[in-house]
N, C-alpha and C. Protein backbone atom coordinates (compact mmCIF):
# COMPACT_ATOMS: atom_id res chain seq x y z
N UNK A 1 49.91 23.13 17.56
CA UNK A 1 48.86 22.14 17.34
C UNK A 1 49.18 20.85 18.07
N UNK A 2 49.26 20.88 19.39
CA UNK A 2 49.65 19.67 20.13
C UNK A 2 48.58 18.59 20.09
N UNK A 3 49.04 17.37 20.17
CA UNK A 3 48.15 16.22 20.30
C UNK A 3 47.98 15.91 21.78
N UNK A 4 46.75 15.77 22.21
CA UNK A 4 46.48 15.45 23.61
C UNK A 4 46.89 14.01 23.88
N UNK A 5 47.79 13.84 24.83
CA UNK A 5 48.24 12.51 25.25
C UNK A 5 48.26 12.47 26.78
N UNK A 6 48.51 11.31 27.32
CA UNK A 6 48.59 11.15 28.77
C UNK A 6 49.84 11.81 29.35
N UNK A 7 50.79 12.21 28.49
CA UNK A 7 52.03 12.83 28.95
C UNK A 7 51.99 14.36 28.86
N UNK A 8 50.97 14.91 28.21
CA UNK A 8 50.91 16.36 28.00
C UNK A 8 50.59 17.10 29.30
N UNK A 9 51.28 18.21 29.53
CA UNK A 9 50.97 19.06 30.68
C UNK A 9 49.56 19.61 30.50
N UNK A 10 48.68 19.36 31.48
CA UNK A 10 47.26 19.72 31.33
C UNK A 10 46.89 20.95 32.14
N UNK A 11 47.86 21.70 32.62
CA UNK A 11 47.55 22.87 33.44
C UNK A 11 46.73 23.90 32.67
N UNK A 12 46.91 23.96 31.35
CA UNK A 12 46.17 24.92 30.53
C UNK A 12 44.66 24.66 30.55
N UNK A 13 44.26 23.45 30.89
CA UNK A 13 42.83 23.12 30.91
C UNK A 13 42.09 23.84 32.03
N UNK A 14 42.81 24.28 33.04
CA UNK A 14 42.16 24.89 34.19
C UNK A 14 41.43 26.18 33.83
N UNK A 15 41.75 26.76 32.70
CA UNK A 15 41.09 28.01 32.30
C UNK A 15 39.79 27.82 31.55
N UNK A 16 39.43 26.57 31.25
CA UNK A 16 38.23 26.30 30.46
C UNK A 16 37.01 26.19 31.36
N UNK A 17 35.97 26.95 31.05
CA UNK A 17 34.73 26.91 31.83
C UNK A 17 33.56 26.35 31.03
N UNK A 18 33.68 26.37 29.70
CA UNK A 18 32.58 25.91 28.86
C UNK A 18 33.07 25.13 27.66
N UNK A 19 32.32 24.09 27.31
CA UNK A 19 32.64 23.23 26.18
C UNK A 19 31.50 23.28 25.17
N UNK A 20 31.81 23.68 23.93
CA UNK A 20 30.82 23.72 22.86
C UNK A 20 31.17 22.61 21.87
N UNK A 21 30.21 21.77 21.57
CA UNK A 21 30.44 20.62 20.71
C UNK A 21 29.71 20.76 19.39
N UNK A 22 30.37 20.36 18.31
CA UNK A 22 29.67 20.03 17.08
C UNK A 22 28.91 18.73 17.34
N UNK A 23 27.94 18.43 16.51
CA UNK A 23 27.15 17.21 16.71
C UNK A 23 27.69 16.06 15.87
N UNK A 24 27.50 16.13 14.56
CA UNK A 24 27.86 15.02 13.68
C UNK A 24 29.36 14.86 13.57
N UNK A 25 29.84 13.65 13.83
CA UNK A 25 31.26 13.39 13.76
C UNK A 25 31.98 13.64 15.07
N UNK A 26 31.27 14.21 16.05
CA UNK A 26 31.87 14.48 17.35
C UNK A 26 31.05 13.79 18.44
N UNK A 27 29.84 14.24 18.65
CA UNK A 27 28.97 13.59 19.64
C UNK A 27 28.41 12.28 19.11
N UNK A 28 28.14 12.24 17.83
CA UNK A 28 27.57 11.04 17.22
C UNK A 28 28.32 10.68 15.94
N UNK A 29 28.35 9.40 15.67
CA UNK A 29 28.85 8.89 14.39
C UNK A 29 27.64 8.77 13.48
N UNK A 30 27.50 9.73 12.58
CA UNK A 30 26.29 9.81 11.76
C UNK A 30 26.59 9.75 10.27
N UNK A 31 27.80 9.35 9.91
CA UNK A 31 28.16 9.36 8.49
C UNK A 31 27.22 8.49 7.67
N UNK A 32 26.97 7.27 8.12
CA UNK A 32 26.08 6.37 7.38
C UNK A 32 24.65 6.90 7.36
N UNK A 33 24.24 7.52 8.48
CA UNK A 33 22.89 8.08 8.54
C UNK A 33 22.73 9.24 7.57
N UNK A 34 23.70 10.13 7.53
CA UNK A 34 23.61 11.26 6.60
C UNK A 34 23.62 10.79 5.15
N UNK A 35 24.47 9.81 4.87
CA UNK A 35 24.53 9.29 3.51
C UNK A 35 23.18 8.68 3.11
N UNK A 36 22.59 7.89 4.00
CA UNK A 36 21.29 7.29 3.71
C UNK A 36 20.23 8.36 3.49
N UNK A 37 20.26 9.40 4.32
CA UNK A 37 19.27 10.48 4.23
C UNK A 37 19.35 11.19 2.88
N UNK A 38 20.52 11.62 2.49
CA UNK A 38 20.63 12.40 1.25
C UNK A 38 20.47 11.53 0.01
N UNK A 39 20.77 10.26 0.12
CA UNK A 39 20.53 9.37 -1.02
C UNK A 39 19.04 9.16 -1.26
N UNK A 40 18.21 9.38 -0.24
CA UNK A 40 16.76 9.36 -0.46
C UNK A 40 16.35 10.41 -1.49
N UNK A 41 17.00 11.56 -1.42
CA UNK A 41 16.69 12.63 -2.37
C UNK A 41 17.24 12.30 -3.75
N UNK A 42 18.42 11.71 -3.80
CA UNK A 42 18.98 11.32 -5.09
C UNK A 42 18.06 10.30 -5.78
N UNK A 43 17.58 9.35 -5.01
CA UNK A 43 16.67 8.35 -5.57
C UNK A 43 15.37 8.99 -6.04
N UNK A 44 14.84 9.91 -5.25
CA UNK A 44 13.58 10.57 -5.57
C UNK A 44 13.63 11.24 -6.93
N UNK A 45 14.80 11.77 -7.30
CA UNK A 45 14.91 12.49 -8.57
C UNK A 45 15.68 11.69 -9.62
N UNK A 46 15.71 10.38 -9.44
CA UNK A 46 16.26 9.51 -10.47
C UNK A 46 17.76 9.59 -10.63
N UNK A 47 18.47 9.96 -9.58
CA UNK A 47 19.92 10.11 -9.64
C UNK A 47 20.60 8.93 -8.96
N UNK A 48 21.83 8.68 -9.33
CA UNK A 48 22.60 7.61 -8.70
C UNK A 48 23.02 8.04 -7.29
N UNK A 49 23.40 7.10 -6.43
CA UNK A 49 23.85 7.47 -5.09
C UNK A 49 25.01 8.44 -5.12
N UNK A 50 25.17 9.20 -4.06
CA UNK A 50 26.24 10.18 -3.98
C UNK A 50 27.61 9.51 -4.10
N UNK A 51 28.57 10.26 -4.64
CA UNK A 51 29.94 9.79 -4.63
C UNK A 51 30.61 10.17 -3.31
N UNK A 52 31.84 9.77 -3.11
CA UNK A 52 32.53 9.97 -1.83
C UNK A 52 32.65 11.46 -1.49
N UNK A 53 32.94 12.28 -2.50
CA UNK A 53 33.08 13.71 -2.24
C UNK A 53 31.76 14.32 -1.80
N UNK A 54 30.67 13.91 -2.42
CA UNK A 54 29.35 14.42 -2.05
C UNK A 54 28.94 13.93 -0.66
N UNK A 55 29.29 12.71 -0.34
CA UNK A 55 29.00 12.19 1.00
C UNK A 55 29.69 13.03 2.07
N UNK A 56 30.96 13.35 1.83
CA UNK A 56 31.70 14.15 2.81
C UNK A 56 31.14 15.56 2.90
N UNK A 57 30.76 16.13 1.77
CA UNK A 57 30.20 17.49 1.79
C UNK A 57 28.92 17.53 2.59
N UNK A 58 28.00 16.62 2.33
CA UNK A 58 26.72 16.64 3.03
C UNK A 58 26.87 16.29 4.50
N UNK A 59 27.97 15.63 4.85
CA UNK A 59 28.19 15.27 6.25
C UNK A 59 28.56 16.49 7.09
N UNK A 60 29.10 17.52 6.46
CA UNK A 60 29.58 18.68 7.21
C UNK A 60 28.78 19.95 6.99
N UNK A 61 27.95 19.98 5.94
CA UNK A 61 27.24 21.22 5.60
C UNK A 61 25.78 21.15 6.04
N UNK A 62 25.12 22.31 6.03
CA UNK A 62 23.71 22.36 6.38
C UNK A 62 22.86 21.77 5.25
N UNK A 63 21.62 21.45 5.56
CA UNK A 63 20.75 20.75 4.62
C UNK A 63 20.47 21.57 3.36
N UNK A 64 20.38 22.89 3.50
CA UNK A 64 20.06 23.73 2.35
C UNK A 64 21.20 23.72 1.33
N UNK A 65 22.43 23.92 1.79
CA UNK A 65 23.57 23.88 0.88
C UNK A 65 23.81 22.47 0.36
N UNK A 66 23.55 21.47 1.20
CA UNK A 66 23.75 20.09 0.77
C UNK A 66 22.83 19.72 -0.39
N UNK A 67 21.57 20.10 -0.27
CA UNK A 67 20.63 19.78 -1.36
C UNK A 67 20.97 20.57 -2.62
N UNK A 68 21.46 21.77 -2.45
CA UNK A 68 21.90 22.53 -3.64
C UNK A 68 23.06 21.83 -4.33
N UNK A 69 23.89 21.15 -3.55
CA UNK A 69 25.07 20.49 -4.10
C UNK A 69 24.71 19.20 -4.82
N UNK A 70 23.76 18.44 -4.32
CA UNK A 70 23.53 17.09 -4.85
C UNK A 70 22.30 16.97 -5.74
N UNK A 71 21.48 18.02 -5.79
CA UNK A 71 20.26 18.00 -6.60
C UNK A 71 20.35 19.08 -7.68
N UNK A 72 20.00 18.78 -8.94
CA UNK A 72 20.04 19.79 -9.98
C UNK A 72 19.20 21.01 -9.60
N UNK A 73 19.63 22.21 -10.00
CA UNK A 73 18.94 23.44 -9.60
C UNK A 73 17.45 23.45 -9.89
N UNK A 74 17.06 22.85 -11.00
CA UNK A 74 15.64 22.88 -11.38
C UNK A 74 14.78 22.03 -10.45
N UNK A 75 15.41 21.16 -9.66
CA UNK A 75 14.66 20.31 -8.74
C UNK A 75 14.78 20.74 -7.27
N UNK A 76 15.49 21.84 -7.04
CA UNK A 76 15.75 22.22 -5.65
C UNK A 76 14.47 22.50 -4.88
N UNK A 77 13.56 23.27 -5.44
CA UNK A 77 12.31 23.59 -4.73
C UNK A 77 11.52 22.32 -4.45
N UNK A 78 11.51 21.40 -5.43
CA UNK A 78 10.80 20.14 -5.22
C UNK A 78 11.48 19.31 -4.13
N UNK A 79 12.80 19.40 -4.07
CA UNK A 79 13.54 18.68 -3.03
C UNK A 79 13.20 19.22 -1.65
N UNK A 80 13.06 20.54 -1.56
CA UNK A 80 12.69 21.14 -0.28
C UNK A 80 11.28 20.72 0.13
N UNK A 81 10.41 20.57 -0.82
CA UNK A 81 9.07 20.08 -0.52
C UNK A 81 9.11 18.61 -0.10
N UNK A 82 9.93 17.83 -0.82
CA UNK A 82 10.07 16.41 -0.48
C UNK A 82 10.63 16.23 0.92
N UNK A 83 11.47 17.16 1.34
CA UNK A 83 12.07 17.10 2.68
C UNK A 83 10.99 17.05 3.77
N UNK A 84 9.87 17.70 3.52
CA UNK A 84 8.79 17.70 4.50
C UNK A 84 8.14 16.32 4.63
N UNK A 85 8.31 15.51 3.59
CA UNK A 85 7.67 14.20 3.59
C UNK A 85 8.57 13.09 4.12
N UNK A 86 9.87 13.36 4.20
CA UNK A 86 10.82 12.33 4.63
C UNK A 86 10.66 12.09 6.13
N UNK A 87 10.46 10.86 6.50
CA UNK A 87 10.35 10.49 7.91
C UNK A 87 11.76 10.17 8.42
N UNK A 88 12.35 11.10 9.16
CA UNK A 88 13.73 10.93 9.60
C UNK A 88 13.88 9.75 10.56
N UNK A 89 12.77 9.29 11.12
CA UNK A 89 12.86 8.15 12.03
C UNK A 89 13.40 6.91 11.33
N UNK A 90 13.23 6.84 10.01
CA UNK A 90 13.76 5.69 9.28
C UNK A 90 15.29 5.72 9.21
N UNK A 91 15.89 6.88 9.49
CA UNK A 91 17.34 7.03 9.45
C UNK A 91 17.97 6.75 10.81
N UNK A 92 17.20 6.87 11.87
CA UNK A 92 17.75 6.79 13.22
C UNK A 92 18.53 5.51 13.51
N UNK A 93 18.13 4.34 12.97
CA UNK A 93 18.91 3.13 13.26
C UNK A 93 20.36 3.19 12.80
N UNK A 94 20.69 4.11 11.89
CA UNK A 94 22.06 4.24 11.41
C UNK A 94 22.96 5.02 12.37
N UNK A 95 22.37 5.69 13.35
CA UNK A 95 23.13 6.56 14.25
C UNK A 95 23.82 5.76 15.35
N UNK A 96 25.01 6.23 15.72
CA UNK A 96 25.74 5.65 16.83
C UNK A 96 26.31 6.78 17.69
N UNK A 97 26.23 6.61 19.01
CA UNK A 97 26.86 7.58 19.90
C UNK A 97 28.37 7.38 19.86
N UNK A 98 29.10 8.47 19.82
CA UNK A 98 30.56 8.38 19.79
C UNK A 98 31.06 7.72 21.08
N UNK A 99 31.98 6.75 20.98
CA UNK A 99 32.45 6.03 22.16
C UNK A 99 33.00 6.97 23.24
N UNK A 100 32.56 6.75 24.46
CA UNK A 100 33.07 7.51 25.59
C UNK A 100 32.44 8.85 25.83
N UNK A 101 31.54 9.29 24.93
CA UNK A 101 31.06 10.66 25.05
C UNK A 101 30.11 10.84 26.24
N UNK A 102 29.29 9.85 26.53
CA UNK A 102 28.34 10.04 27.63
C UNK A 102 29.06 10.06 28.98
N UNK A 103 30.10 9.25 29.12
CA UNK A 103 30.90 9.27 30.34
C UNK A 103 31.57 10.63 30.51
N UNK A 104 32.12 11.16 29.42
CA UNK A 104 32.73 12.49 29.45
C UNK A 104 31.73 13.55 29.85
N UNK A 105 30.57 13.56 29.22
CA UNK A 105 29.57 14.57 29.49
C UNK A 105 29.05 14.48 30.93
N UNK A 106 28.91 13.29 31.44
CA UNK A 106 28.46 13.11 32.82
C UNK A 106 29.47 13.70 33.79
N UNK A 107 30.76 13.49 33.51
CA UNK A 107 31.81 14.06 34.36
C UNK A 107 31.80 15.59 34.28
N UNK A 108 31.68 16.13 33.07
CA UNK A 108 31.66 17.58 32.90
C UNK A 108 30.45 18.20 33.59
N UNK A 109 29.32 17.53 33.50
CA UNK A 109 28.11 18.04 34.15
C UNK A 109 28.28 18.02 35.67
N UNK A 110 28.90 16.96 36.19
CA UNK A 110 29.16 16.89 37.63
C UNK A 110 30.09 18.00 38.07
N UNK A 111 31.00 18.42 37.18
CA UNK A 111 31.92 19.50 37.48
C UNK A 111 31.35 20.88 37.22
N UNK A 112 30.08 20.93 36.83
CA UNK A 112 29.36 22.20 36.59
C UNK A 112 29.98 23.05 35.47
N UNK A 113 30.55 22.38 34.48
CA UNK A 113 30.99 23.09 33.29
C UNK A 113 29.78 23.41 32.42
N UNK A 114 29.85 24.51 31.69
CA UNK A 114 28.81 24.83 30.72
C UNK A 114 28.98 23.94 29.49
N UNK A 115 27.88 23.38 29.01
CA UNK A 115 27.91 22.48 27.86
C UNK A 115 26.91 22.95 26.82
N UNK A 116 27.38 23.15 25.60
CA UNK A 116 26.50 23.60 24.53
C UNK A 116 26.81 22.89 23.23
N UNK A 117 25.94 23.07 22.26
CA UNK A 117 26.10 22.47 20.93
C UNK A 117 25.92 23.54 19.87
N UNK A 118 26.78 23.51 18.87
CA UNK A 118 26.66 24.38 17.70
C UNK A 118 26.73 23.48 16.47
N UNK A 119 25.57 23.25 15.85
CA UNK A 119 25.48 22.27 14.76
C UNK A 119 24.76 22.86 13.56
N UNK A 120 25.08 22.32 12.40
CA UNK A 120 24.36 22.70 11.19
C UNK A 120 23.16 21.82 10.92
N UNK A 121 22.83 20.93 11.86
CA UNK A 121 21.53 20.26 11.78
C UNK A 121 20.43 21.31 11.97
N UNK A 122 19.22 20.94 11.55
CA UNK A 122 18.11 21.88 11.72
C UNK A 122 17.11 21.33 12.73
N UNK A 123 16.07 20.64 12.27
CA UNK A 123 14.99 20.23 13.16
C UNK A 123 15.08 18.78 13.62
N UNK A 124 16.21 18.12 13.38
CA UNK A 124 16.34 16.71 13.78
C UNK A 124 17.20 16.52 15.02
N UNK A 125 17.77 17.60 15.54
CA UNK A 125 18.75 17.46 16.62
C UNK A 125 18.16 16.82 17.86
N UNK A 126 16.99 17.28 18.30
CA UNK A 126 16.37 16.72 19.49
C UNK A 126 16.07 15.25 19.32
N UNK A 127 15.58 14.86 18.16
CA UNK A 127 15.27 13.45 17.87
C UNK A 127 16.54 12.60 17.93
N UNK A 128 17.63 13.15 17.39
CA UNK A 128 18.90 12.44 17.39
C UNK A 128 19.41 12.25 18.81
N UNK A 129 19.37 13.31 19.61
CA UNK A 129 19.87 13.21 20.99
C UNK A 129 19.04 12.24 21.81
N UNK A 130 17.74 12.20 21.55
CA UNK A 130 16.90 11.24 22.26
C UNK A 130 17.28 9.81 21.87
N UNK A 131 17.55 9.58 20.59
CA UNK A 131 17.89 8.25 20.11
C UNK A 131 19.18 7.73 20.73
N UNK A 132 20.18 8.61 20.86
CA UNK A 132 21.49 8.17 21.37
C UNK A 132 21.68 8.49 22.85
N UNK A 133 20.58 8.87 23.53
CA UNK A 133 20.59 9.09 24.98
C UNK A 133 21.54 10.21 25.38
N UNK A 134 21.41 11.36 24.71
CA UNK A 134 22.20 12.54 25.07
C UNK A 134 21.32 13.74 25.41
N UNK A 135 20.04 13.52 25.60
CA UNK A 135 19.16 14.62 25.99
C UNK A 135 19.51 15.10 27.39
N UNK A 136 19.41 16.41 27.60
CA UNK A 136 19.55 16.97 28.94
C UNK A 136 20.95 17.43 29.30
N UNK A 137 21.91 17.20 28.42
CA UNK A 137 23.28 17.62 28.73
C UNK A 137 23.58 19.05 28.30
N UNK A 138 22.90 19.54 27.26
CA UNK A 138 23.35 20.76 26.60
C UNK A 138 22.33 21.90 26.72
N UNK A 139 22.86 23.10 26.94
CA UNK A 139 22.05 24.30 26.95
C UNK A 139 22.97 25.52 26.77
N UNK A 140 22.82 26.21 25.61
CA UNK A 140 21.83 25.97 24.56
C UNK A 140 22.31 24.98 23.49
N UNK A 141 21.36 24.57 22.67
CA UNK A 141 21.65 23.79 21.46
C UNK A 141 21.37 24.71 20.28
N UNK A 142 22.42 25.18 19.64
CA UNK A 142 22.29 26.12 18.54
C UNK A 142 22.34 25.36 17.22
N UNK A 143 21.24 25.40 16.47
CA UNK A 143 21.13 24.69 15.20
C UNK A 143 21.06 25.68 14.05
N UNK A 144 21.17 25.16 12.84
CA UNK A 144 21.05 26.01 11.66
C UNK A 144 19.63 26.54 11.50
N UNK A 145 18.67 25.93 12.19
CA UNK A 145 17.30 26.42 12.15
C UNK A 145 17.03 27.52 13.15
N UNK A 146 17.97 27.72 14.09
CA UNK A 146 17.81 28.73 15.13
C UNK A 146 18.75 29.91 14.91
N UNK A 147 20.00 29.62 14.62
CA UNK A 147 21.00 30.68 14.44
C UNK A 147 20.63 31.53 13.23
N UNK A 148 20.95 32.83 13.27
CA UNK A 148 20.68 33.69 12.12
C UNK A 148 21.32 33.20 10.84
N UNK A 149 22.52 32.61 10.95
CA UNK A 149 23.21 32.03 9.80
C UNK A 149 23.91 30.75 10.27
N UNK A 150 24.00 29.75 9.40
CA UNK A 150 24.66 28.49 9.80
C UNK A 150 26.17 28.64 9.86
N UNK A 151 26.83 27.67 10.48
CA UNK A 151 28.29 27.62 10.45
C UNK A 151 28.77 27.59 9.00
N UNK A 152 29.89 28.23 8.70
CA UNK A 152 30.92 28.78 9.59
C UNK A 152 30.67 30.22 10.06
N UNK A 153 29.49 30.77 9.83
CA UNK A 153 29.20 32.08 10.39
C UNK A 153 29.31 32.00 11.92
N UNK A 154 29.83 33.01 12.57
CA UNK A 154 30.03 32.95 14.02
C UNK A 154 28.77 33.19 14.84
N UNK A 155 27.63 33.45 14.21
CA UNK A 155 26.42 33.85 14.94
C UNK A 155 26.02 32.85 16.01
N UNK A 156 26.03 31.56 15.68
CA UNK A 156 25.64 30.55 16.65
C UNK A 156 26.57 30.51 17.84
N UNK A 157 27.87 30.58 17.57
CA UNK A 157 28.85 30.56 18.64
C UNK A 157 28.69 31.77 19.55
N UNK A 158 28.51 32.93 18.97
CA UNK A 158 28.38 34.15 19.76
C UNK A 158 27.09 34.14 20.58
N UNK A 159 26.06 33.51 20.06
CA UNK A 159 24.81 33.40 20.82
C UNK A 159 25.02 32.53 22.07
N UNK A 160 25.80 31.47 21.94
CA UNK A 160 26.08 30.61 23.09
C UNK A 160 26.88 31.38 24.14
N UNK A 161 27.90 32.12 23.70
CA UNK A 161 28.70 32.91 24.63
C UNK A 161 27.84 33.93 25.37
N UNK A 162 26.93 34.55 24.64
CA UNK A 162 26.05 35.53 25.27
C UNK A 162 25.14 34.86 26.30
N UNK A 163 24.61 33.68 25.95
CA UNK A 163 23.73 32.97 26.88
C UNK A 163 24.48 32.57 28.15
N UNK A 164 25.74 32.23 28.03
CA UNK A 164 26.54 31.82 29.17
C UNK A 164 27.14 32.99 29.93
N UNK A 165 27.22 34.15 29.28
CA UNK A 165 27.90 35.28 29.89
C UNK A 165 29.39 35.05 30.04
N UNK A 166 29.98 34.37 29.07
CA UNK A 166 31.40 34.02 29.13
C UNK A 166 32.18 34.71 28.02
N UNK A 167 33.47 34.87 28.29
CA UNK A 167 34.39 35.40 27.29
C UNK A 167 34.84 34.29 26.36
N UNK A 168 35.26 34.65 25.16
CA UNK A 168 35.71 33.66 24.18
C UNK A 168 36.89 32.84 24.69
N UNK A 169 37.70 33.43 25.56
CA UNK A 169 38.88 32.73 26.06
C UNK A 169 38.54 31.70 27.13
N UNK A 170 37.29 31.67 27.57
CA UNK A 170 36.88 30.75 28.64
C UNK A 170 36.22 29.49 28.11
N UNK A 171 36.07 29.38 26.79
CA UNK A 171 35.40 28.23 26.21
C UNK A 171 36.27 27.62 25.12
N UNK A 172 35.91 26.40 24.72
CA UNK A 172 36.54 25.75 23.58
C UNK A 172 35.44 25.16 22.71
N UNK A 173 35.75 25.00 21.43
CA UNK A 173 34.82 24.40 20.48
C UNK A 173 35.45 23.13 19.94
N UNK A 174 34.75 22.01 20.11
CA UNK A 174 35.22 20.72 19.61
C UNK A 174 34.50 20.39 18.31
N UNK A 175 35.27 20.26 17.23
CA UNK A 175 34.69 19.94 15.94
C UNK A 175 35.58 19.01 15.15
N UNK A 176 35.07 18.54 14.02
CA UNK A 176 35.81 17.55 13.25
C UNK A 176 35.99 17.91 11.79
N UNK A 177 35.59 19.12 11.38
CA UNK A 177 35.61 19.46 9.96
C UNK A 177 36.19 20.85 9.75
N UNK A 178 36.49 21.16 8.48
CA UNK A 178 37.00 22.50 8.17
C UNK A 178 35.93 23.55 8.43
N UNK A 179 34.66 23.17 8.33
CA UNK A 179 33.59 24.11 8.67
C UNK A 179 33.69 24.50 10.14
N UNK A 180 33.95 23.52 10.99
CA UNK A 180 34.11 23.81 12.42
C UNK A 180 35.36 24.65 12.67
N UNK A 181 36.44 24.31 11.99
CA UNK A 181 37.67 25.08 12.13
C UNK A 181 37.43 26.54 11.79
N UNK A 182 36.75 26.80 10.69
CA UNK A 182 36.48 28.18 10.28
C UNK A 182 35.48 28.87 11.20
N UNK A 183 34.55 28.10 11.73
CA UNK A 183 33.59 28.67 12.69
C UNK A 183 34.32 29.19 13.92
N UNK A 184 35.22 28.37 14.44
CA UNK A 184 36.00 28.78 15.61
C UNK A 184 36.85 30.01 15.29
N UNK A 185 37.50 29.99 14.13
CA UNK A 185 38.35 31.12 13.75
C UNK A 185 37.51 32.39 13.58
N UNK A 186 36.34 32.26 12.96
CA UNK A 186 35.49 33.43 12.73
C UNK A 186 34.96 34.05 14.03
N UNK A 187 34.87 33.21 15.07
CA UNK A 187 34.34 33.69 16.34
C UNK A 187 35.45 33.88 17.39
N UNK A 188 36.70 33.65 16.99
CA UNK A 188 37.86 33.82 17.88
C UNK A 188 37.77 32.95 19.13
N UNK A 189 37.24 31.74 18.96
CA UNK A 189 37.13 30.77 20.04
C UNK A 189 38.18 29.68 19.83
N UNK A 190 38.91 29.26 20.87
CA UNK A 190 39.87 28.18 20.72
C UNK A 190 39.22 26.92 20.13
N UNK A 191 39.94 26.29 19.21
CA UNK A 191 39.40 25.14 18.49
C UNK A 191 40.16 23.88 18.83
N UNK A 192 39.39 22.85 19.25
CA UNK A 192 39.95 21.52 19.49
C UNK A 192 39.42 20.59 18.40
N UNK A 193 40.31 20.06 17.61
CA UNK A 193 39.93 19.17 16.52
C UNK A 193 39.78 17.74 17.04
N UNK A 194 38.64 17.13 16.70
CA UNK A 194 38.35 15.78 17.16
C UNK A 194 38.58 14.78 16.03
N UNK A 195 39.55 13.90 16.23
CA UNK A 195 39.84 12.80 15.30
C UNK A 195 40.11 13.26 13.87
N UNK A 196 40.66 14.46 13.71
CA UNK A 196 40.99 14.93 12.37
C UNK A 196 42.31 15.71 12.42
N UNK A 197 43.43 15.01 12.24
CA UNK A 197 44.75 15.66 12.33
C UNK A 197 45.03 16.64 11.19
N UNK A 198 44.19 16.67 10.17
CA UNK A 198 44.41 17.57 9.03
C UNK A 198 43.99 19.00 9.34
N UNK A 199 43.25 19.21 10.41
CA UNK A 199 42.75 20.54 10.72
C UNK A 199 43.78 21.36 11.49
N UNK A 200 43.68 22.68 11.33
CA UNK A 200 44.51 23.60 12.11
C UNK A 200 43.77 23.87 13.41
N UNK A 201 44.36 23.47 14.53
CA UNK A 201 43.64 23.51 15.80
C UNK A 201 44.59 23.85 16.94
N UNK A 202 44.01 24.34 18.02
CA UNK A 202 44.79 24.61 19.23
C UNK A 202 45.15 23.32 19.96
N UNK A 203 44.34 22.29 19.75
CA UNK A 203 44.59 20.99 20.38
C UNK A 203 43.92 19.92 19.54
N UNK A 204 44.57 18.78 19.43
CA UNK A 204 43.99 17.64 18.71
C UNK A 204 43.59 16.57 19.71
N UNK A 205 42.33 16.14 19.64
CA UNK A 205 41.76 15.16 20.55
C UNK A 205 41.64 13.82 19.82
N UNK A 206 42.37 12.78 20.25
CA UNK A 206 42.29 11.50 19.55
C UNK A 206 41.04 10.71 19.88
N UNK A 207 40.51 10.87 21.10
CA UNK A 207 39.31 10.16 21.52
C UNK A 207 38.85 10.75 22.84
N UNK A 208 37.62 10.44 23.23
CA UNK A 208 37.07 11.04 24.45
C UNK A 208 37.65 10.44 25.72
N UNK A 209 38.12 9.22 25.65
CA UNK A 209 38.76 8.63 26.81
C UNK A 209 40.02 9.38 27.20
N UNK A 210 40.84 9.74 26.21
CA UNK A 210 42.05 10.51 26.47
C UNK A 210 41.71 11.89 27.01
N UNK A 211 40.66 12.52 26.46
CA UNK A 211 40.25 13.83 26.95
C UNK A 211 39.79 13.76 28.39
N UNK A 212 38.99 12.78 28.71
CA UNK A 212 38.49 12.66 30.08
C UNK A 212 39.65 12.41 31.05
N UNK A 213 40.60 11.59 30.67
CA UNK A 213 41.77 11.34 31.52
C UNK A 213 42.52 12.63 31.80
N UNK A 214 42.68 13.46 30.77
CA UNK A 214 43.39 14.74 30.94
C UNK A 214 42.61 15.67 31.85
N UNK A 215 41.30 15.73 31.67
CA UNK A 215 40.47 16.60 32.50
C UNK A 215 40.50 16.16 33.96
N UNK A 216 40.51 14.87 34.19
CA UNK A 216 40.58 14.36 35.57
C UNK A 216 41.92 14.73 36.21
N UNK A 217 42.98 14.74 35.41
CA UNK A 217 44.28 15.15 35.96
C UNK A 217 44.30 16.65 36.24
N UNK A 218 43.61 17.43 35.41
CA UNK A 218 43.58 18.88 35.61
C UNK A 218 42.70 19.27 36.79
N UNK A 219 41.62 18.51 37.01
CA UNK A 219 40.68 18.79 38.09
C UNK A 219 40.50 17.55 38.97
N UNK A 220 41.51 17.18 39.73
CA UNK A 220 41.39 15.96 40.56
C UNK A 220 40.33 16.09 41.65
N UNK A 221 39.90 17.32 41.94
CA UNK A 221 38.90 17.52 42.99
C UNK A 221 37.49 17.15 42.55
N UNK A 222 37.29 16.98 41.22
CA UNK A 222 35.97 16.60 40.72
C UNK A 222 35.85 15.08 40.74
N UNK A 223 34.85 14.59 41.42
CA UNK A 223 34.66 13.14 41.50
C UNK A 223 33.94 12.63 40.26
N UNK A 224 34.02 11.33 40.04
CA UNK A 224 33.35 10.74 38.90
C UNK A 224 34.31 10.20 37.87
């Protein structure tokens, strides 16, 4: 479980052809946005704001399991109906792009690496990417609304590999949660943990600036 530093031998990076990213906590800092979103449901049903454990759970899980966790069972169907009425645009001001990510993605795109997303978001992903200026970098974008089953099921990851025509050993998955860790393990894809040293990972990434520096050392022929 090495930590990526400026001193680490980066020759192993030469085998990577595709990068699959989680969305929340990796591409975007959305913790405050997710908390605000799910607290709308708590308020709707007369409940107090989520506690810290519930905030963390909803930050990493899909919307269906999240609502089951924070809303009493007898109100779940009503919560799903209320979801149709929530205007997610009111949450967008809480979103922040992760520092350095657009510079990294621009370099990867210039190097013709495959870039994809595997997220447990459903129908808000496009809106989020537009807000933080990340549209056009990823293909495919696998969401919980598209994949047969959400993470940690491997279905989304395997769909991306099939779309790219790549072997599992040619890609890496960057995530920040135990859900991502298990997703990578379930699909036998190398896992790079982003800003979470508690996870079991093939590589730990402290920030995107350090990752980009390492990639530039591994591929000095790529400009940018």
